C-alpha atoms as a PDB file:
ATOM      1  CA  MET A   1      22.314  -4.837  -5.267  1.00  0.00           C
ATOM      2  CA  VAL A   2      21.320  -1.318  -6.295  1.00  0.00           C
ATOM      3  CA  GLU A   3      24.461  -0.938  -8.403  1.00  0.00           C
ATOM      4  CA  PHE A   4      23.734  -4.273 -10.108  1.00  0.00           C
ATOM      5  CA  LEU A   5      20.179  -3.214 -10.992  1.00  0.00           C
ATOM      6  CA  GLN A   6      21.295   0.123 -12.434  1.00  0.00           C
ATOM      7  CA  GLY A   7      22.239  -1.647 -15.653  1.00  0.00           C
ATOM      8  CA  TYR A   8      18.699  -2.883 -16.313  1.00  0.00           C
ATOM      9  CA  ASN A   9      15.683  -1.149 -17.823  1.00  0.00           C
ATOM     10  CA  VAL A  10      14.030   0.866 -15.050  1.00  0.00           C
ATOM     11  CA  ILE A  11      10.516  -0.054 -16.196  1.00  0.00           C
ATOM     12  CA  LEU A  12      11.368  -3.756 -16.007  1.00  0.00           C
ATOM     13  CA  VAL A  13      12.960  -3.371 -12.572  1.00  0.00           C
ATOM     14  CA  GLY A  14       9.965  -1.366 -11.342  1.00  0.00           C
ATOM     15  CA  PHE A  15       7.534  -3.969 -12.641  1.00  0.00           C
ATOM     16  CA  ILE A  16       9.410  -6.881 -11.031  1.00  0.00           C
ATOM     17  CA  ALA A  17       9.684  -4.988  -7.727  1.00  0.00           C
ATOM     18  CA  SER A  18       5.953  -4.216  -7.682  1.00  0.00           C
ATOM     19  CA  VAL A  19       5.159  -7.873  -8.480  1.00  0.00           C
ATOM     20  CA  ALA A  20       7.338  -8.976  -5.567  1.00  0.00           C
ATOM     21  CA  ALA A  21       5.673  -6.449  -3.240  1.00  0.00           C
ATOM     22  CA  GLY A  22       2.225  -7.573  -4.385  1.00  0.00           C
ATOM     23  CA  CYS A  23       3.018 -11.246  -3.821  1.00  0.00           C
ATOM     24  CA  ALA A  24       3.725 -10.472  -0.169  1.00  0.00           C
ATOM     25  CA  THR A  25      -0.042 -10.622   0.462  1.00  0.00           C
ATOM     26  CA  GLY A  26       0.179 -14.324  -0.388  1.00  0.00           C
ATOM     27  CA  VAL A  27       3.123 -14.748   1.977  1.00  0.00           C
ATOM     28  CA  GLY A  28       1.084 -13.150   4.736  1.00  0.00           C
ATOM     29  CA  ALA A  29      -1.815 -15.530   4.125  1.00  0.00           C
ATOM     30  CA  ILE A  30       0.288 -18.709   4.499  1.00  0.00           C
ATOM     31  CA  PRO A  31      -0.392 -19.125   8.274  1.00  0.00           C
ATOM     32  CA  ILE A  32      -4.069 -19.902   7.572  1.00  0.00           C
ATOM     33  CA  PHE A  33      -2.981 -23.335   6.308  1.00  0.00           C
ATOM     34  CA  PHE A  34      -1.730 -24.150   9.818  1.00  0.00           C
ATOM     35  CA  THR A  35      -4.110 -22.322  12.150  1.00  0.00           C
ATOM     36  CA  LYS A  36      -7.277 -20.235  12.021  1.00  0.00           C
ATOM     37  CA  ASP A  37      -6.952 -19.243  15.680  1.00  0.00           C
ATOM     38  CA  ILE A  38      -5.147 -15.926  15.278  1.00  0.00           C
ATOM     39  CA  SER A  39      -6.028 -13.392  17.945  1.00  0.00           C
ATOM     40  CA  HIS A  40      -7.336  -9.901  17.286  1.00  0.00           C
ATOM     41  CA  LYS A  41      -4.522  -8.604  19.475  1.00  0.00           C
ATOM     42  CA  PHE A  42      -1.854 -10.077  17.212  1.00  0.00           C
ATOM     43  CA  LEU A  43      -3.645  -8.990  14.044  1.00  0.00           C
ATOM     44  CA  ASP A  44      -4.153  -5.440  15.317  1.00  0.00           C
ATOM     45  CA  ALA A  45      -0.464  -5.226  16.216  1.00  0.00           C
ATOM     46  CA  MET A  46       0.499  -6.420  12.722  1.00  0.00           C
ATOM     47  CA  LEU A  47      -1.911  -4.022  11.018  1.00  0.00           C
ATOM     48  CA  GLY A  48      -0.490  -1.234  13.177  1.00  0.00           C
ATOM     49  CA  PHE A  49       2.965  -2.277  11.984  1.00  0.00           C
ATOM     50  CA  ALA A  50       1.700  -2.068   8.387  1.00  0.00           C
ATOM     51  CA  ALA A  51       0.351   1.433   9.011  1.00  0.00           C
ATOM     52  CA  GLY A  52       3.686   2.522  10.478  1.00  0.00           C
ATOM     53  CA  VAL A  53       5.599   1.157   7.494  1.00  0.00           C
ATOM     54  CA  MET A  54       3.249   2.914   5.071  1.00  0.00           C
ATOM     55  CA  LEU A  55       3.493   6.163   7.011  1.00  0.00           C
ATOM     56  CA  ALA A  56       7.299   6.148   6.959  1.00  0.00           C
ATOM     57  CA  ALA A  57       7.403   5.159   3.275  1.00  0.00           C
ATOM     58  CA  THR A  58       4.980   7.991   2.502  1.00  0.00           C
ATOM     59  CA  SER A  59       7.044  10.493   4.470  1.00  0.00           C
ATOM     60  CA  PHE A  60      10.597   9.638   3.454  1.00  0.00           C
ATOM     61  CA  SER A  61      10.213   7.986   0.047  1.00  0.00           C
ATOM     62  CA  LEU A  62       7.378  10.068  -1.407  1.00  0.00           C
ATOM     63  CA  ILE A  63       6.828  13.420   0.305  1.00  0.00           C
ATOM     64  CA  VAL A  64      10.464  14.420   0.909  1.00  0.00           C
ATOM     65  CA  PRO A  65      11.569  13.537  -2.665  1.00  0.00           C
ATOM     66  CA  ALA A  66       8.448  15.277  -4.047  1.00  0.00           C
ATOM     67  CA  ILE A  67       9.480  18.525  -2.340  1.00  0.00           C
ATOM     68  CA  GLU A  68      13.057  18.173  -3.600  1.00  0.00           C
ATOM     69  CA  TYR A  69      12.115  17.322  -7.202  1.00  0.00           C
ATOM     70  CA  GLY A  70       9.529  20.107  -7.139  1.00  0.00           C
ATOM     71  CA  GLY A  71      12.293  22.656  -6.634  1.00  0.00           C
ATOM     72  CA  GLY A  72      12.306  22.905  -2.860  1.00  0.00           C
ATOM     73  CA  GLY A  73      11.112  25.872  -0.834  1.00  0.00           C
ATOM     74  CA  VAL A  74       7.672  27.336  -1.409  1.00  0.00           C
ATOM     75  CA  LYS A  75       7.445  25.954  -4.956  1.00  0.00           C
ATOM     76  CA  GLY A  76       8.268  22.368  -3.957  1.00  0.00           C
ATOM     77  CA  ALA A  77       6.001  22.496  -0.913  1.00  0.00           C
ATOM     78  CA  THR A  78       3.103  23.907  -2.956  1.00  0.00           C
ATOM     79  CA  ILE A  79       3.394  21.221  -5.634  1.00  0.00           C
ATOM     80  CA  THR A  80       3.615  18.550  -2.946  1.00  0.00           C
ATOM     81  CA  LEU A  81       0.652  19.710  -0.893  1.00  0.00           C
ATOM     82  CA  SER A  82      -1.412  19.961  -4.093  1.00  0.00           C
ATOM     83  CA  GLY A  83      -0.506  16.397  -5.055  1.00  0.00           C
ATOM     84  CA  ILE A  84      -1.239  15.045  -1.572  1.00  0.00           C
ATOM     85  CA  LEU A  85      -4.690  16.632  -1.527  1.00  0.00           C
ATOM     86  CA  LEU A  86      -5.449  15.438  -5.069  1.00  0.00           C
ATOM     87  CA  GLY A  87      -4.407  11.876  -4.160  1.00  0.00           C
ATOM     88  CA  GLY A  88      -6.571  11.833  -1.051  1.00  0.00           C
ATOM     89  CA  ILE A  89      -9.594  13.349  -2.815  1.00  0.00           C
ATOM     90  CA  PHE A  90      -9.210  10.934  -5.728  1.00  0.00           C
ATOM     91  CA  LEU A  91      -9.259   7.897  -3.451  1.00  0.00           C
ATOM     92  CA  ASP A  92     -12.112   9.350  -1.413  1.00  0.00           C
ATOM     93  CA  LEU A  93     -14.246   9.724  -4.559  1.00  0.00           C
ATOM     94  CA  ILE A  94     -13.501   6.157  -5.649  1.00  0.00           C
ATOM     95  CA  ASP A  95     -14.254   4.959  -2.131  1.00  0.00           C
ATOM     96  CA  LYS A  96     -17.612   6.727  -2.155  1.00  0.00           C
ATOM     97  CA  TYR A  97     -18.895   5.771  -5.578  1.00  0.00           C
ATOM     98  CA  ALA A  98     -17.351   2.382  -6.437  1.00  0.00           C
ATOM     99  CA  PRO A  99     -19.412  -0.412  -4.815  1.00  0.00           C
ATOM    100  CA  HIS A 100     -17.261  -2.422  -2.415  1.00  0.00           C
ATOM    101  CA  GLU A 101     -17.458  -4.377   0.827  1.00  0.00           C
ATOM    102  CA  HIS A 102     -15.369  -4.027   3.980  1.00  0.00           C
ATOM    103  CA  LEU A 103     -15.434  -7.533   5.421  1.00  0.00           C
ATOM    104  CA  LEU A 104     -12.913  -6.517   8.066  1.00  0.00           C
ATOM    105  CA  GLU A 105     -15.330  -3.867   9.343  1.00  0.00           C
ATOM    106  CA  GLY A 106     -18.615  -5.429   8.262  1.00  0.00           C
ATOM    107  CA  ARG A 107     -19.912  -2.525   6.191  1.00  0.00           C
ATOM    108  CA  HIS A 108     -20.779  -1.681   2.584  1.00  0.00           C
ATOM    109  CA  GLU A 109     -19.793   1.489   0.722  1.00  0.00           C
ATOM    110  CA  GLY A 110     -20.505   2.955  -2.683  1.00  0.00           C
ATOM    111  CA  ASN A 111     -23.478   2.403  -4.944  1.00  0.00           C
ATOM    112  CA  ASP A 112     -25.657  -0.694  -4.602  1.00  0.00           C
ATOM    113  CA  SER A 113     -24.489  -3.696  -6.582  1.00  0.00           C
ATOM    114  CA  SER A 114     -25.676  -7.218  -7.340  1.00  0.00           C
ATOM    115  CA  LEU A 115     -22.136  -8.574  -7.081  1.00  0.00           C
ATOM    116  CA  LYS A 116     -21.462 -11.152  -4.385  1.00  0.00           C
ATOM    117  CA  LYS A 117     -19.992  -9.872  -1.141  1.00  0.00           C
ATOM    118  CA  VAL A 118     -16.607 -11.495  -1.761  1.00  0.00           C
ATOM    119  CA  TRP A 119     -16.212  -9.722  -5.106  1.00  0.00           C
ATOM    120  CA  LEU A 120     -17.135  -6.411  -3.521  1.00  0.00           C
ATOM    121  CA  PHE A 121     -14.476  -7.148  -0.900  1.00  0.00           C
ATOM    122  CA  ILE A 122     -11.902  -7.884  -3.613  1.00  0.00           C
ATOM    123  CA  ILE A 123     -12.804  -4.589  -5.279  1.00  0.00           C
ATOM    124  CA  ALA A 124     -12.228  -2.787  -1.958  1.00  0.00           C
ATOM    125  CA  ILE A 125      -8.773  -4.303  -1.442  1.00  0.00           C
ATOM    126  CA  THR A 126      -7.892  -3.696  -5.101  1.00  0.00           C
ATOM    127  CA  LEU A 127      -8.862  -0.025  -4.851  1.00  0.00           C
ATOM    128  CA  HIS A 128      -6.628   0.413  -1.840  1.00  0.00           C
ATOM    129  CA  ASN A 129      -3.681  -1.581  -3.213  1.00  0.00           C
ATOM    130  CA  PHE A 130      -3.520   0.360  -6.472  1.00  0.00           C
ATOM    131  CA  PRO A 131      -1.953   3.489  -4.884  1.00  0.00           C
ATOM    132  CA  GLU A 132       0.744   1.299  -3.348  1.00  0.00           C
ATOM    133  CA  GLY A 133       1.719  -0.056  -6.749  1.00  0.00           C
ATOM    134  CA  LEU A 134       1.545   3.458  -8.167  1.00  0.00           C
ATOM    135  CA  ALA A 135       3.902   4.657  -5.429  1.00  0.00           C
ATOM    136  CA  VAL A 136       6.466   1.966  -6.270  1.00  0.00           C
ATOM    137  CA  GLY A 137       6.243   2.769  -9.978  1.00  0.00           C
ATOM    138  CA  VAL A 138       6.634   6.508  -9.469  1.00  0.00           C
ATOM    139  CA  GLY A 139       9.521   5.813  -7.112  1.00  0.00           C
ATOM    140  CA  PHE A 140      11.350   4.057  -9.936  1.00  0.00           C
ATOM    141  CA  GLY A 141      10.176   6.525 -12.564  1.00  0.00           C
ATOM    142  CA  ASN A 142      13.080   8.937 -12.432  1.00  0.00           C
ATOM    143  CA  GLY A 143      15.646   6.154 -12.481  1.00  0.00           C
ATOM    144  CA  ASP A 144      16.284   6.284  -8.720  1.00  0.00           C
ATOM    145  CA  ILE A 145      16.624   2.535  -8.161  1.00  0.00           C
ATOM    146  CA  ALA A 146      17.472   2.951  -4.461  1.00  0.00           C
ATOM    147  CA  ASN A 147      14.303   4.904  -3.718  1.00  0.00           C
ATOM    148  CA  GLY A 148      12.203   2.470  -5.745  1.00  0.00           C
ATOM    149  CA  ILE A 149      13.668  -0.565  -3.965  1.00  0.00           C
ATOM    150  CA  SER A 150      13.105   1.061  -0.583  1.00  0.00           C
ATOM    151  CA  LEU A 151       9.468   1.715  -1.438  1.00  0.00           C
ATOM    152  CA  ALA A 152       8.962  -1.804  -2.799  1.00  0.00           C
ATOM    153  CA  ILE A 153      10.384  -3.340   0.394  1.00  0.00           C
ATOM    154  CA  GLY A 154       8.173  -1.105   2.525  1.00  0.00           C
ATOM    155  CA  ILE A 155       5.036  -1.944   0.545  1.00  0.00           C
ATOM    156  CA  GLY A 156       5.932  -5.634   0.681  1.00  0.00           C
ATOM    157  CA  LEU A 157       6.350  -5.480   4.470  1.00  0.00           C
ATOM    158  CA  GLN A 158       2.962  -3.873   4.973  1.00  0.00           C
ATOM    159  CA  ASN A 159       1.317  -6.305   2.537  1.00  0.00           C
ATOM    160  CA  VAL A 160       2.183  -9.293   4.744  1.00  0.00           C
ATOM    161  CA  PRO A 161      -0.234  -8.495   7.611  1.00  0.00           C
ATOM    162  CA  GLU A 162      -2.774  -7.201   5.088  1.00  0.00           C
ATOM    163  CA  GLY A 163      -2.731 -10.556   3.302  1.00  0.00           C
ATOM    164  CA  LEU A 164      -3.293 -12.364   6.605  1.00  0.00           C
ATOM    165  CA  ALA A 165      -6.187 -10.062   7.515  1.00  0.00           C
ATOM    166  CA  VAL A 166      -7.828 -10.566   4.118  1.00  0.00           C
ATOM    167  CA  ALA A 167      -7.513 -14.356   4.304  1.00  0.00           C
ATOM    168  CA  LEU A 168      -8.916 -14.503   7.844  1.00  0.00           C
ATOM    169  CA  ALA A 169     -11.859 -12.294   6.863  1.00  0.00           C
ATOM    170  CA  LEU A 170     -12.670 -14.647   3.982  1.00  0.00           C
ATOM    171  CA  ILE A 171     -12.449 -17.695   6.235  1.00  0.00           C
ATOM    172  CA  ARG A 172     -14.924 -16.029   8.603  1.00  0.00           C
ATOM    173  CA  GLU A 173     -17.219 -15.785   5.566  1.00  0.00           C
ATOM    174  CA  LYS A 174     -16.960 -19.622   5.239  1.00  0.00           C
ATOM    175  CA  TYR A 175     -14.615 -19.707   2.256  1.00  0.00           C
ATOM    176  CA  LYS A 176     -12.225 -22.640   1.890  1.00  0.00           C
ATOM    177  CA  THR A 177      -8.661 -22.139   3.063  1.00  0.00           C
ATOM    178  CA  SER A 178      -7.231 -22.537  -0.430  1.00  0.00           C
ATOM    179  CA  THR A 179      -9.754 -20.057  -1.855  1.00  0.00           C
ATOM    180  CA  ALA A 180      -8.996 -17.520   0.884  1.00  0.00           C
ATOM    181  CA  PHE A 181      -5.267 -17.833   0.206  1.00  0.00           C
ATOM    182  CA  PHE A 182      -5.709 -17.434  -3.559  1.00  0.00           C
ATOM    183  CA  ILE A 183      -7.894 -14.351  -3.175  1.00  0.00           C
ATOM    184  CA  ALA A 184      -5.456 -12.785  -0.691  1.00  0.00           C
ATOM    185  CA  LEU A 185      -2.648 -13.324  -3.199  1.00  0.00           C
ATOM    186  CA  LEU A 186      -4.777 -11.991  -6.042  1.00  0.00           C
ATOM    187  CA  THR A 187      -5.564  -8.740  -4.245  1.00  0.00           C
ATOM    188  CA  GLY A 188      -1.862  -7.902  -4.108  1.00  0.00           C
ATOM    189  CA  LEU A 189      -1.290  -8.542  -7.796  1.00  0.00           C
ATOM    190  CA  VAL A 190      -3.082  -5.338  -8.781  1.00  0.00           C
ATOM    191  CA  GLU A 191       0.007  -3.492  -7.561  1.00  0.00           C
ATOM    192  CA  PRO A 192       2.118  -4.267 -10.666  1.00  0.00           C
ATOM    193  CA  ILE A 193      -0.591  -2.574 -12.753  1.00  0.00           C
ATOM    194  CA  GLY A 194      -0.245   0.575 -10.664  1.00  0.00           C
ATOM    195  CA  GLY A 195       3.530   0.182 -10.826  1.00  0.00           C
ATOM    196  CA  ILE A 196       3.608   0.076 -14.623  1.00  0.00           C
ATOM    197  CA  ILE A 197       1.317   3.104 -14.866  1.00  0.00           C
ATOM    198  CA  GLY A 198       3.418   5.068 -12.376  1.00  0.00           C
ATOM    199  CA  VAL A 199       6.805   4.338 -13.880  1.00  0.00           C
ATOM    200  CA  GLY A 200       5.479   4.774 -17.423  1.00  0.00           C
ATOM    201  CA  LEU A 201       3.932   8.181 -16.763  1.00  0.00           C
ATOM    202  CA  VAL A 202       7.053   9.526 -15.104  1.00  0.00           C
ATOM    203  CA  GLN A 203       9.279   8.141 -17.863  1.00  0.00           C
ATOM    204  CA  LEU A 204       7.125   9.910 -20.469  1.00  0.00           C
ATOM    205  CA  ALA A 205       7.024  13.212 -18.622  1.00  0.00           C
ATOM    206  CA  GLN A 206       9.671  13.794 -15.947  1.00  0.00           C
ATOM    207  CA  SER A 207       7.997  17.092 -15.052  1.00  0.00           C
ATOM    208  CA  ILE A 208       5.113  15.232 -13.386  1.00  0.00           C
ATOM    209  CA  LEU A 209       7.458  13.339 -11.026  1.00  0.00           C
ATOM    210  CA  PRO A 210       6.971  15.578  -7.938  1.00  0.00           C
ATOM    211  CA  LEU A 211       3.208  15.710  -8.439  1.00  0.00           C
ATOM    212  CA  GLY A 212       3.093  11.951  -9.022  1.00  0.00           C
ATOM    213  CA  LEU A 213       5.055  11.236  -5.842  1.00  0.00           C
ATOM    214  CA  ALA A 214       2.797  13.542  -3.824  1.00  0.00           C
ATOM    215  CA  PHE A 215      -0.369  12.097  -5.410  1.00  0.00           C
ATOM    216  CA  ALA A 216       0.681   8.573  -4.384  1.00  0.00           C
ATOM    217  CA  ALA A 217       1.501   9.881  -0.906  1.00  0.00           C
ATOM    218  CA  GLY A 218      -1.950  11.431  -0.531  1.00  0.00           C
ATOM    219  CA  ALA A 219      -3.673   8.240  -1.634  1.00  0.00           C
ATOM    220  CA  MET A 220      -1.638   6.168   0.822  1.00  0.00           C
ATOM    221  CA  LEU A 221      -2.274   8.601   3.680  1.00  0.00           C
ATOM    222  CA  PHE A 222      -5.991   8.289   2.975  1.00  0.00           C
ATOM    223  CA  VAL A 223      -5.804   4.485   3.229  1.00  0.00           C
ATOM    224  CA  ILE A 224      -3.795   4.653   6.468  1.00  0.00           C
ATOM    225  CA  SER A 225      -6.234   7.014   8.181  1.00  0.00           C
ATOM    226  CA  ASP A 226      -9.517   5.803   6.692  1.00  0.00           C
ATOM    227  CA  GLU A 227      -8.941   2.053   6.718  1.00  0.00           C
ATOM    228  CA  ILE A 228      -5.979   0.602   8.568  1.00  0.00           C
ATOM    229  CA  ILE A 229      -5.735   2.561  11.814  1.00  0.00           C
ATOM    230  CA  PRO A 230      -9.511   2.549  12.530  1.00  0.00           C
ATOM    231  CA  GLU A 231      -9.509  -1.232  12.064  1.00  0.00           C
ATOM    232  CA  THR A 232      -6.755  -1.619  14.680  1.00  0.00           C
ATOM    233  CA  HIS A 233      -8.822   0.302  17.247  1.00  0.00           C
ATOM    234  CA  LYS A 234     -11.965  -1.817  17.138  1.00  0.00           C
ATOM    235  CA  HIS A 235     -11.033  -4.596  19.544  1.00  0.00           C
ATOM    236  CA  ASN A 236      -9.641  -2.662  22.542  1.00  0.00           C
ATOM    237  CA  TYR A 237      -5.996  -3.228  21.584  1.00  0.00           C
ATOM    238  CA  GLU A 238      -5.243   0.393  20.678  1.00  0.00           C
ATOM    239  CA  ARG A 239      -2.032   0.531  22.722  1.00  0.00           C
ATOM    240  CA  VAL A 240      -0.623  -2.627  21.124  1.00  0.00           C
ATOM    241  CA  ALA A 241      -1.550  -1.302  17.685  1.00  0.00           C
ATOM    242  CA  THR A 242       0.133   2.028  18.482  1.00  0.00           C
ATOM    243  CA  TYR A 243       3.382   0.280  19.345  1.00  0.00           C
ATOM    244  CA  GLY A 244       2.993  -1.614  16.089  1.00  0.00           C
ATOM    245  CA  VAL A 245       2.809   1.718  14.265  1.00  0.00           C
ATOM    246  CA  LEU A 246       5.941   2.962  16.052  1.00  0.00           C
ATOM    247  CA  ILE A 247       7.928  -0.197  15.286  1.00  0.00           C
ATOM    248  CA  GLY A 248       6.810  -0.255  11.665  1.00  0.00           C
ATOM    249  CA  PHE A 249       7.682   3.417  11.251  1.00  0.00           C
ATOM    250  CA  VAL A 250      11.205   3.181  12.669  1.00  0.00           C
ATOM    251  CA  ILE A 251      12.022  -0.011  10.725  1.00  0.00           C
ATOM    252  CA  MET A 252      10.915   1.559   7.456  1.00  0.00           C
ATOM    253  CA  MET A 253      12.748   4.799   8.305  1.00  0.00           C
ATOM    254  CA  PHE A 254      15.941   2.816   8.919  1.00  0.00           C
ATOM    255  CA  LEU A 255      15.544   0.865   5.671  1.00  0.00           C
ATOM    256  CA  ASP A 256      14.874   4.031   3.710  1.00  0.00           C
ATOM    257  CA  VAL A 257      17.988   5.750   5.066  1.00  0.00           C
ATOM    258  CA  THR A 258      20.290   2.743   4.666  1.00  0.00           C
ATOM    259  CA  LEU A 259      19.024   1.730   1.225  1.00  0.00           C
ATOM    260  CA  GLY A 260      18.688   5.274  -0.091  1.00  0.00           C
END
């Protein structure tokens, strides 16, 4: 498949891949049409799986290539650590100052806003999905279709349980099933925007590729530590969630090695 895609415009391939990854939130939300009785244990395990997938994708598809493209050694490591810190700080600042709602955790962050809670929740998910789209776009940016596809698959895998969690949170807020599904799908569709920006920037200036990869890695690491893992430890299913992380990590590692 990778050889087949090599003949197409990398920006187009990156955009389509990020759209497919984003749509996985809708796939994850499909079970709400059949049952609303989904246990916290199952959801925590799936969110742990998502964290493991993201962690492996960050490690093998973003950080390792960033070091290599940065020149390796001290130079590559310095560029990479700078990008990781910048990505984490950037997302932290957005998280602090952009008004948004964490329905999964029942708390508000950022400045006060008159927007309805559901829109603040959508803003929160959008803020945290943007780095994922950016990561896919940067992964395609240097023409490395295999690395881009690997990242897109990983992001898609972790979007499935995220979409289910979003839909269930909206149903708990008394939204209709169809509305919850549509919003869950919508939150994933911000990723193509990040994908286009990522692939476009790297295409315009190849020199920013290692920094771009590391920046996306830092933003994703922030989401993993600040949002996903804490959520999996709130209902006394930490051990199940931890095994979810392990399984997600090894599956994504295997996919990255075999596809790359």
